[in-house]
Amino acid sequence: MKVTLIDTSVLCELLQVPGKSEPTRKAEMWEEVDVRASVGERLVLPVTAVVETGNHIVQSGGDRHTVAERLAAFLRLALQADSPFFVPELAFGRDFVASVADGASTGQTLAQLATHKVGTGDIAILVQRDQLRGGGDFTAVDVWTLDRGLDDLAKAT
């Protein structure tokens, strides 16, 4: 089974977070979810994307309550067995933190990545991707992002 971690940029578009999404992209993004699900791909909801999206909602100038309700409904959807979304167990501990500091599998440290405007949230997504790859349970593990920097890193590693 192929799994793909969805980045904050994708989650913000799916939920239409004010200031972090384009209303014209919502249908396109949900169509992409349907296409991926139709071929058996599961979309992993990384903890980083949940936390960052929640922060974007709180900092938005729009109707925070309504958007936060959409996030809560989305999280509940991700927990359903028939959902295209998947919430794996996260092994967050000393090894995870060390991997973030070391820049995941990028070959660069957190400090080096920061100079290229790659944040710890993006690195944490790559660490979680690396954990899923190392588990041997999936045929492929990718990242779906609209962030070009993260996309380039994810494809290079």
N, C-alpha and C. Protein backbone atom coordinates (compact mmCIF):
# COMPACT_ATOMS: atom_id res chain seq x y z
N MET A 1 0.84 -1.18 0.00
CA MET A 1 0.00 0.00 0.00
C MET A 1 0.89 1.24 0.00
N LYS A 2 0.51 2.20 -0.83
CA LYS A 2 1.21 3.48 -0.87
C LYS A 2 0.55 4.44 0.12
N VAL A 3 1.39 5.15 0.87
CA VAL A 3 0.90 6.20 1.76
C VAL A 3 1.62 7.49 1.43
N THR A 4 0.91 8.60 1.62
CA THR A 4 1.47 9.92 1.35
C THR A 4 1.13 10.84 2.51
N LEU A 5 2.15 11.44 3.08
CA LEU A 5 1.94 12.41 4.15
C LEU A 5 1.46 13.71 3.53
N ILE A 6 0.40 14.29 4.09
CA ILE A 6 -0.07 15.56 3.55
C ILE A 6 0.48 16.69 4.41
N ASP A 7 1.00 17.68 3.73
CA ASP A 7 1.62 18.84 4.37
C ASP A 7 0.55 19.85 4.78
N THR A 8 0.95 20.76 5.63
CA THR A 8 0.08 21.84 6.09
C THR A 8 -0.51 22.62 4.92
N SER A 9 0.28 22.85 3.88
CA SER A 9 -0.20 23.62 2.74
C SER A 9 -1.41 22.94 2.09
N VAL A 10 -1.40 21.63 2.02
CA VAL A 10 -2.51 20.87 1.45
C VAL A 10 -3.70 20.89 2.40
N LEU A 11 -3.45 20.67 3.68
CA LEU A 11 -4.53 20.65 4.66
C LEU A 11 -5.22 22.01 4.73
N CYS A 12 -4.46 23.09 4.66
CA CYS A 12 -5.06 24.43 4.67
C CYS A 12 -5.96 24.65 3.45
N GLU A 13 -5.57 24.11 2.31
CA GLU A 13 -6.41 24.23 1.11
C GLU A 13 -7.68 23.39 1.26
N LEU A 14 -7.54 22.17 1.76
CA LEU A 14 -8.71 21.30 1.93
C LEU A 14 -9.72 21.92 2.88
N LEU A 15 -9.23 22.56 3.92
CA LEU A 15 -10.11 23.15 4.93
C LEU A 15 -10.46 24.61 4.66
N GLN A 16 -9.82 25.19 3.64
CA GLN A 16 -10.06 26.59 3.28
C GLN A 16 -9.78 27.53 4.46
N VAL A 17 -8.56 27.47 4.98
CA VAL A 17 -8.13 28.35 6.06
C VAL A 17 -7.90 29.75 5.49
N PRO A 18 -8.60 30.76 6.01
CA PRO A 18 -8.44 32.13 5.48
C PRO A 18 -6.98 32.60 5.54
N GLY A 19 -6.53 33.17 4.45
CA GLY A 19 -5.16 33.66 4.36
C GLY A 19 -4.14 32.60 4.01
N LYS A 20 -4.55 31.34 4.03
CA LYS A 20 -3.64 30.23 3.73
C LYS A 20 -4.19 29.33 2.63
N SER A 21 -5.23 29.80 1.94
CA SER A 21 -5.84 28.97 0.90
C SER A 21 -6.45 29.87 -0.17
N GLU A 22 -6.70 29.25 -1.30
CA GLU A 22 -7.37 29.90 -2.42
C GLU A 22 -8.71 29.23 -2.62
N PRO A 23 -9.81 29.96 -2.49
CA PRO A 23 -11.13 29.34 -2.65
C PRO A 23 -11.29 28.56 -3.95
N THR A 24 -10.61 28.98 -4.98
CA THR A 24 -10.75 28.31 -6.28
C THR A 24 -10.05 26.94 -6.30
N ARG A 25 -9.21 26.64 -5.33
CA ARG A 25 -8.46 25.38 -5.31
C ARG A 25 -9.15 24.27 -4.54
N LYS A 26 -10.16 24.59 -3.75
CA LYS A 26 -10.78 23.60 -2.88
C LYS A 26 -11.25 22.38 -3.66
N ALA A 27 -12.02 22.58 -4.72
CA ALA A 27 -12.54 21.45 -5.50
C ALA A 27 -11.41 20.64 -6.10
N GLU A 28 -10.40 21.32 -6.62
CA GLU A 28 -9.25 20.65 -7.22
C GLU A 28 -8.54 19.76 -6.19
N MET A 29 -8.39 20.27 -4.99
CA MET A 29 -7.69 19.52 -3.95
C MET A 29 -8.49 18.29 -3.52
N TRP A 30 -9.80 18.44 -3.36
CA TRP A 30 -10.63 17.29 -2.98
C TRP A 30 -10.71 16.27 -4.11
N GLU A 31 -10.68 16.74 -5.36
CA GLU A 31 -10.63 15.81 -6.50
C GLU A 31 -9.34 14.99 -6.45
N GLU A 32 -8.24 15.64 -6.09
CA GLU A 32 -6.95 14.94 -5.96
C GLU A 32 -7.04 13.87 -4.86
N VAL A 33 -7.68 14.20 -3.75
CA VAL A 33 -7.89 13.21 -2.68
C VAL A 33 -8.65 12.02 -3.25
N ASP A 34 -9.72 12.28 -4.00
CA ASP A 34 -10.54 11.20 -4.57
C ASP A 34 -9.73 10.33 -5.54
N VAL A 35 -8.91 10.97 -6.38
CA VAL A 35 -8.08 10.22 -7.33
C VAL A 35 -7.11 9.32 -6.59
N ARG A 36 -6.44 9.88 -5.59
CA ARG A 36 -5.47 9.10 -4.83
C ARG A 36 -6.16 7.94 -4.11
N ALA A 37 -7.31 8.22 -3.52
CA ALA A 37 -8.04 7.17 -2.79
C ALA A 37 -8.53 6.08 -3.74
N SER A 38 -8.89 6.46 -4.96
CA SER A 38 -9.43 5.48 -5.91
C SER A 38 -8.40 4.44 -6.34
N VAL A 39 -7.13 4.74 -6.19
CA VAL A 39 -6.08 3.77 -6.51
C VAL A 39 -5.50 3.11 -5.26
N GLY A 40 -6.19 3.31 -4.13
CA GLY A 40 -5.79 2.64 -2.90
C GLY A 40 -4.75 3.35 -2.07
N GLU A 41 -4.41 4.57 -2.45
CA GLU A 41 -3.43 5.34 -1.69
C GLU A 41 -4.10 5.85 -0.41
N ARG A 42 -3.36 5.82 0.68
CA ARG A 42 -3.84 6.37 1.95
C ARG A 42 -3.05 7.65 2.24
N LEU A 43 -3.74 8.64 2.75
CA LEU A 43 -3.14 9.95 3.02
C LEU A 43 -2.89 10.08 4.52
N VAL A 44 -1.63 10.17 4.88
CA VAL A 44 -1.22 10.24 6.28
C VAL A 44 -1.37 11.67 6.78
N LEU A 45 -1.96 11.78 7.95
CA LEU A 45 -2.15 13.07 8.59
C LEU A 45 -1.04 13.24 9.63
N PRO A 46 0.04 13.95 9.28
CA PRO A 46 1.14 14.12 10.23
C PRO A 46 0.75 15.09 11.35
N VAL A 47 1.29 14.84 12.53
CA VAL A 47 1.01 15.71 13.66
C VAL A 47 1.42 17.15 13.35
N THR A 48 2.49 17.33 12.62
CA THR A 48 2.94 18.68 12.26
C THR A 48 1.87 19.43 11.50
N ALA A 49 1.24 18.78 10.53
CA ALA A 49 0.21 19.45 9.73
C ALA A 49 -0.98 19.83 10.59
N VAL A 50 -1.35 18.98 11.54
CA VAL A 50 -2.47 19.28 12.42
C VAL A 50 -2.16 20.50 13.29
N VAL A 51 -0.97 20.50 13.90
CA VAL A 51 -0.59 21.60 14.78
C VAL A 51 -0.46 22.91 14.00
N GLU A 52 0.26 22.88 12.88
CA GLU A 52 0.45 24.10 12.10
C GLU A 52 -0.87 24.63 11.56
N THR A 53 -1.74 23.75 11.08
CA THR A 53 -3.03 24.18 10.56
C THR A 53 -3.87 24.81 11.66
N GLY A 54 -3.87 24.20 12.82
CA GLY A 54 -4.59 24.79 13.96
C GLY A 54 -4.06 26.16 14.31
N ASN A 55 -2.75 26.33 14.27
CA ASN A 55 -2.16 27.65 14.53
C ASN A 55 -2.56 28.66 13.46
N HIS A 56 -2.59 28.25 12.20
CA HIS A 56 -3.01 29.15 11.12
C HIS A 56 -4.46 29.57 11.31
N ILE A 57 -5.30 28.65 11.75
CA ILE A 57 -6.71 28.99 11.99
C ILE A 57 -6.83 30.04 13.08
N VAL A 58 -6.12 29.84 14.19
CA VAL A 58 -6.18 30.77 15.30
C VAL A 58 -5.67 32.16 14.90
N GLN A 59 -4.68 32.19 14.02
CA GLN A 59 -4.09 33.46 13.60
C GLN A 59 -4.81 34.10 12.42
N SER A 60 -5.81 33.42 11.88
CA SER A 60 -6.50 33.95 10.70
C SER A 60 -7.46 35.07 11.08
N GLY A 61 -7.81 35.85 10.09
CA GLY A 61 -8.73 36.95 10.31
C GLY A 61 -10.17 36.57 9.98
N GLY A 62 -10.39 35.35 9.62
CA GLY A 62 -11.73 34.91 9.21
C GLY A 62 -12.54 34.36 10.37
N ASP A 63 -13.53 33.58 10.04
CA ASP A 63 -14.41 32.96 11.02
C ASP A 63 -13.69 31.74 11.61
N ARG A 64 -12.90 31.99 12.65
CA ARG A 64 -12.08 30.94 13.24
C ARG A 64 -12.92 29.77 13.75
N HIS A 65 -14.07 30.05 14.31
CA HIS A 65 -14.92 29.00 14.86
C HIS A 65 -15.34 28.00 13.78
N THR A 66 -15.81 28.51 12.67
CA THR A 66 -16.27 27.64 11.59
C THR A 66 -15.12 26.81 11.01
N VAL A 67 -13.98 27.45 10.83
CA VAL A 67 -12.84 26.73 10.27
C VAL A 67 -12.32 25.70 11.28
N ALA A 68 -12.32 26.04 12.56
CA ALA A 68 -11.89 25.09 13.58
C ALA A 68 -12.85 23.90 13.64
N GLU A 69 -14.14 24.14 13.42
CA GLU A 69 -15.10 23.04 13.35
C GLU A 69 -14.79 22.13 12.16
N ARG A 70 -14.40 22.73 11.03
CA ARG A 70 -14.02 21.92 9.86
C ARG A 70 -12.80 21.07 10.18
N LEU A 71 -11.82 21.66 10.90
CA LEU A 71 -10.63 20.89 11.28
C LEU A 71 -11.02 19.73 12.19
N ALA A 72 -11.86 19.98 13.19
CA ALA A 72 -12.28 18.92 14.10
C ALA A 72 -13.01 17.81 13.34
N ALA A 73 -13.89 18.17 12.42
CA ALA A 73 -14.61 17.17 11.62
C ALA A 73 -13.62 16.38 10.75
N PHE A 74 -12.64 17.07 10.20
CA PHE A 74 -11.63 16.42 9.37
C PHE A 74 -10.84 15.41 10.21
N LEU A 75 -10.46 15.80 11.42
CA LEU A 75 -9.72 14.88 12.29
C LEU A 75 -10.54 13.65 12.61
N ARG A 76 -11.82 13.83 12.85
CA ARG A 76 -12.70 12.68 13.12
C ARG A 76 -12.81 11.79 11.88
N LEU A 77 -12.90 12.41 10.70
CA LEU A 77 -12.93 11.65 9.45
C LEU A 77 -11.67 10.80 9.31
N ALA A 78 -10.53 11.38 9.64
CA ALA A 78 -9.26 10.66 9.48
C ALA A 78 -9.17 9.43 10.38
N LEU A 79 -9.98 9.38 11.42
CA LEU A 79 -9.96 8.24 12.34
C LEU A 79 -10.86 7.10 11.89
N GLN A 80 -11.70 7.34 10.89
CA GLN A 80 -12.63 6.31 10.41
C GLN A 80 -11.90 5.30 9.52
N ALA A 81 -12.25 4.07 9.67
CA ALA A 81 -11.59 3.00 8.93
C ALA A 81 -11.74 3.13 7.43
N ASP A 82 -12.86 3.66 6.95
CA ASP A 82 -13.09 3.76 5.51
C ASP A 82 -12.63 5.10 4.93
N SER A 83 -11.93 5.88 5.71
CA SER A 83 -11.44 7.18 5.27
C SER A 83 -10.20 7.02 4.38
N PRO A 84 -10.02 7.92 3.42
CA PRO A 84 -8.77 7.88 2.65
C PRO A 84 -7.59 8.38 3.48
N PHE A 85 -7.89 8.96 4.63
CA PHE A 85 -6.85 9.51 5.50
C PHE A 85 -6.46 8.47 6.55
N PHE A 86 -5.26 8.59 7.04
CA PHE A 86 -4.67 7.58 7.90
C PHE A 86 -3.88 8.28 8.99
N VAL A 87 -4.09 7.86 10.23
CA VAL A 87 -3.35 8.43 11.35
C VAL A 87 -2.50 7.32 11.96
N PRO A 88 -1.21 7.28 11.60
CA PRO A 88 -0.35 6.23 12.15
C PRO A 88 0.10 6.60 13.56
N GLU A 89 0.56 5.61 14.28
CA GLU A 89 1.18 5.89 15.58
C GLU A 89 2.47 6.65 15.32
N LEU A 90 2.74 7.63 16.13
CA LEU A 90 3.94 8.45 15.98
C LEU A 90 4.93 8.09 17.07
N ALA A 91 6.13 7.74 16.67
CA ALA A 91 7.18 7.44 17.63
C ALA A 91 7.94 8.73 17.91
N PHE A 92 7.38 9.55 18.80
CA PHE A 92 8.03 10.82 19.16
C PHE A 92 8.81 10.60 20.45
N GLY A 93 10.08 10.80 20.34
CA GLY A 93 10.95 10.62 21.51
C GLY A 93 12.34 11.12 21.17
N ARG A 94 13.32 10.60 21.86
CA ARG A 94 14.70 11.06 21.69
C ARG A 94 15.19 10.89 20.25
N ASP A 95 14.88 9.75 19.63
CA ASP A 95 15.33 9.50 18.26
C ASP A 95 14.67 10.48 17.28
N PHE A 96 13.38 10.75 17.49
CA PHE A 96 12.67 11.69 16.62
C PHE A 96 13.30 13.08 16.73
N VAL A 97 13.51 13.53 17.95
CA VAL A 97 14.09 14.87 18.18
C VAL A 97 15.50 14.95 17.60
N ALA A 98 16.28 13.91 17.79
CA ALA A 98 17.64 13.89 17.23
C ALA A 98 17.59 13.95 15.71
N SER A 99 16.63 13.25 15.12
CA SER A 99 16.48 13.25 13.67
C SER A 99 16.09 14.63 13.16
N VAL A 100 15.23 15.33 13.87
CA VAL A 100 14.88 16.71 13.49
C VAL A 100 16.13 17.58 13.54
N ALA A 101 16.89 17.50 14.62
CA ALA A 101 18.11 18.30 14.77
C ALA A 101 19.12 17.99 13.67
N ASP A 102 19.13 16.72 13.24
CA ASP A 102 20.05 16.28 12.19
C ASP A 102 19.53 16.52 10.78
N GLY A 103 18.31 17.06 10.66
CA GLY A 103 17.76 17.38 9.34
C GLY A 103 17.12 16.21 8.62
N ALA A 104 16.68 15.20 9.38
CA ALA A 104 16.06 14.01 8.79
C ALA A 104 17.04 13.37 7.82
N SER A 105 16.56 12.89 6.70
CA SER A 105 17.42 12.20 5.73
C SER A 105 17.91 13.14 4.63
N THR A 106 17.92 14.44 4.90
CA THR A 106 18.29 15.42 3.87
C THR A 106 19.78 15.56 3.66
N GLY A 107 20.58 15.10 4.63
CA GLY A 107 22.03 15.30 4.54
C GLY A 107 22.45 16.67 5.03
N GLN A 108 21.50 17.46 5.52
CA GLN A 108 21.79 18.78 6.07
C GLN A 108 21.24 18.85 7.49
N THR A 109 21.85 19.70 8.31
CA THR A 109 21.37 19.85 9.68
C THR A 109 20.19 20.82 9.72
N LEU A 110 19.51 20.84 10.85
CA LEU A 110 18.42 21.78 11.06
C LEU A 110 18.90 23.21 10.79
N ALA A 111 20.08 23.56 11.31
CA ALA A 111 20.60 24.91 11.12
C ALA A 111 20.86 25.22 9.64
N GLN A 112 21.40 24.26 8.92
CA GLN A 112 21.63 24.47 7.48
C GLN A 112 20.31 24.62 6.74
N LEU A 113 19.33 23.80 7.08
CA LEU A 113 18.03 23.89 6.42
C LEU A 113 17.33 25.21 6.74
N ALA A 114 17.51 25.69 7.97
CA ALA A 114 16.88 26.95 8.36
C ALA A 114 17.38 28.12 7.51
N THR A 115 18.63 28.06 7.10
CA THR A 115 19.15 29.14 6.26
C THR A 115 18.49 29.14 4.88
N HIS A 116 17.88 28.01 4.52
CA HIS A 116 17.15 27.90 3.25
C HIS A 116 15.64 28.00 3.47
N LYS A 117 15.27 28.49 4.66
CA LYS A 117 13.86 28.70 5.03
C LYS A 117 13.05 27.41 5.10
N VAL A 118 13.70 26.34 5.52
CA VAL A 118 13.01 25.09 5.79
C VAL A 118 12.85 25.01 7.30
N GLY A 119 11.61 24.98 7.77
CA GLY A 119 11.34 25.00 9.20
C GLY A 119 11.32 23.62 9.83
N THR A 120 11.25 23.62 11.14
CA THR A 120 11.24 22.36 11.87
C THR A 120 9.98 21.54 11.60
N GLY A 121 8.88 22.21 11.26
CA GLY A 121 7.67 21.47 10.90
C GLY A 121 7.89 20.62 9.66
N ASP A 122 8.52 21.22 8.65
CA ASP A 122 8.82 20.47 7.43
C ASP A 122 9.80 19.32 7.70
N ILE A 123 10.79 19.60 8.53
CA ILE A 123 11.76 18.55 8.87
C ILE A 123 11.05 17.42 9.62
N ALA A 124 10.14 17.77 10.53
CA ALA A 124 9.41 16.75 11.29
C ALA A 124 8.56 15.87 10.36
N ILE A 125 8.00 16.47 9.31
CA ILE A 125 7.25 15.67 8.34
C ILE A 125 8.19 14.68 7.65
N LEU A 126 9.38 15.13 7.31
CA LEU A 126 10.36 14.23 6.68
C LEU A 126 10.80 13.13 7.65
N VAL A 127 10.94 13.47 8.92
CA VAL A 127 11.30 12.44 9.91
C VAL A 127 10.18 11.41 10.01
N GLN A 128 8.93 11.87 10.06
CA GLN A 128 7.82 10.94 10.14
C GLN A 128 7.75 10.08 8.86
N ARG A 129 8.02 10.70 7.71
CA ARG A 129 8.08 9.93 6.46
C ARG A 129 9.17 8.86 6.54
N ASP A 130 10.35 9.25 7.05
CA ASP A 130 11.45 8.30 7.17
C ASP A 130 11.09 7.15 8.11
N GLN A 131 10.37 7.44 9.20
CA GLN A 131 9.93 6.38 10.11
C GLN A 131 9.01 5.40 9.39
N LEU A 132 8.07 5.93 8.62
CA LEU A 132 7.14 5.06 7.91
C LEU A 132 7.87 4.23 6.85
N ARG A 133 8.84 4.83 6.19
CA ARG A 133 9.62 4.08 5.20
C ARG A 133 10.40 2.96 5.86
N GLY A 134 10.94 3.23 7.03
CA GLY A 134 11.76 2.24 7.73
C GLY A 134 10.97 1.10 8.34
N GLY A 135 9.67 1.29 8.47
CA GLY A 135 8.83 0.26 9.09
C GLY A 135 8.57 -0.93 8.21
N GLY A 136 8.71 -0.77 6.90
CA GLY A 136 8.51 -1.87 5.97
C GLY A 136 7.06 -2.27 5.73
N ASP A 137 6.11 -1.48 6.23
CA ASP A 137 4.70 -1.83 6.07
C ASP A 137 4.09 -1.32 4.77
N PHE A 138 4.79 -0.44 4.07
CA PHE A 138 4.21 0.23 2.90
C PHE A 138 5.11 0.07 1.69
N THR A 139 4.48 0.03 0.51
CA THR A 139 5.24 -0.12 -0.74
C THR A 139 5.92 1.19 -1.12
N ALA A 140 5.32 2.31 -0.76
CA ALA A 140 5.91 3.63 -1.06
C ALA A 140 5.39 4.62 -0.03
N VAL A 141 6.24 5.57 0.32
CA VAL A 141 5.88 6.63 1.27
C VAL A 141 6.36 7.95 0.68
N ASP A 142 5.41 8.85 0.40
CA ASP A 142 5.73 10.14 -0.21
C ASP A 142 5.17 11.28 0.62
N VAL A 143 5.41 12.50 0.13
CA VAL A 143 4.88 13.71 0.75
C VAL A 143 4.12 14.48 -0.31
N TRP A 144 2.91 14.93 0.03
CA TRP A 144 2.11 15.79 -0.86
C TRP A 144 2.12 17.18 -0.25
N THR A 145 2.72 18.11 -0.95
CA THR A 145 2.86 19.47 -0.47
C THR A 145 2.73 20.45 -1.62
N LEU A 146 2.33 21.65 -1.30
CA LEU A 146 2.31 22.75 -2.28
C LEU A 146 3.50 23.68 -2.06
N ASP A 147 4.30 23.36 -1.06
CA ASP A 147 5.50 24.13 -0.69
C ASP A 147 6.67 23.61 -1.54
N ARG A 148 7.16 24.46 -2.42
CA ARG A 148 8.20 24.01 -3.34
C ARG A 148 9.47 23.55 -2.63
N GLY A 149 9.86 24.26 -1.57
CA GLY A 149 11.07 23.88 -0.84
C GLY A 149 10.94 22.49 -0.23
N LEU A 150 9.82 22.22 0.43
CA LEU A 150 9.61 20.91 1.01
C LEU A 150 9.49 19.86 -0.07
N ASP A 151 8.80 20.18 -1.15
CA ASP A 151 8.64 19.24 -2.26
C ASP A 151 9.99 18.85 -2.83
N ASP A 152 10.86 19.84 -3.04
CA ASP A 152 12.20 19.55 -3.57
C ASP A 152 12.98 18.64 -2.62
N LEU A 153 12.93 18.95 -1.31
CA LEU A 153 13.63 18.12 -0.33
C LEU A 153 13.07 16.69 -0.29
N ALA A 154 11.74 16.59 -0.29
CA ALA A 154 11.11 15.28 -0.21
C ALA A 154 11.46 14.42 -1.41
N LYS A 155 11.51 15.03 -2.58
CA LYS A 155 11.84 14.26 -3.79
C LYS A 155 13.32 13.90 -3.85
N ALA A 156 14.17 14.71 -3.22
CA ALA A 156 15.61 14.47 -3.26
C ALA A 156 16.05 13.41 -2.26
N THR A 157 15.21 13.09 -1.29
CA THR A 157 15.62 12.15 -0.24
C THR A 157 14.71 10.94 -0.21
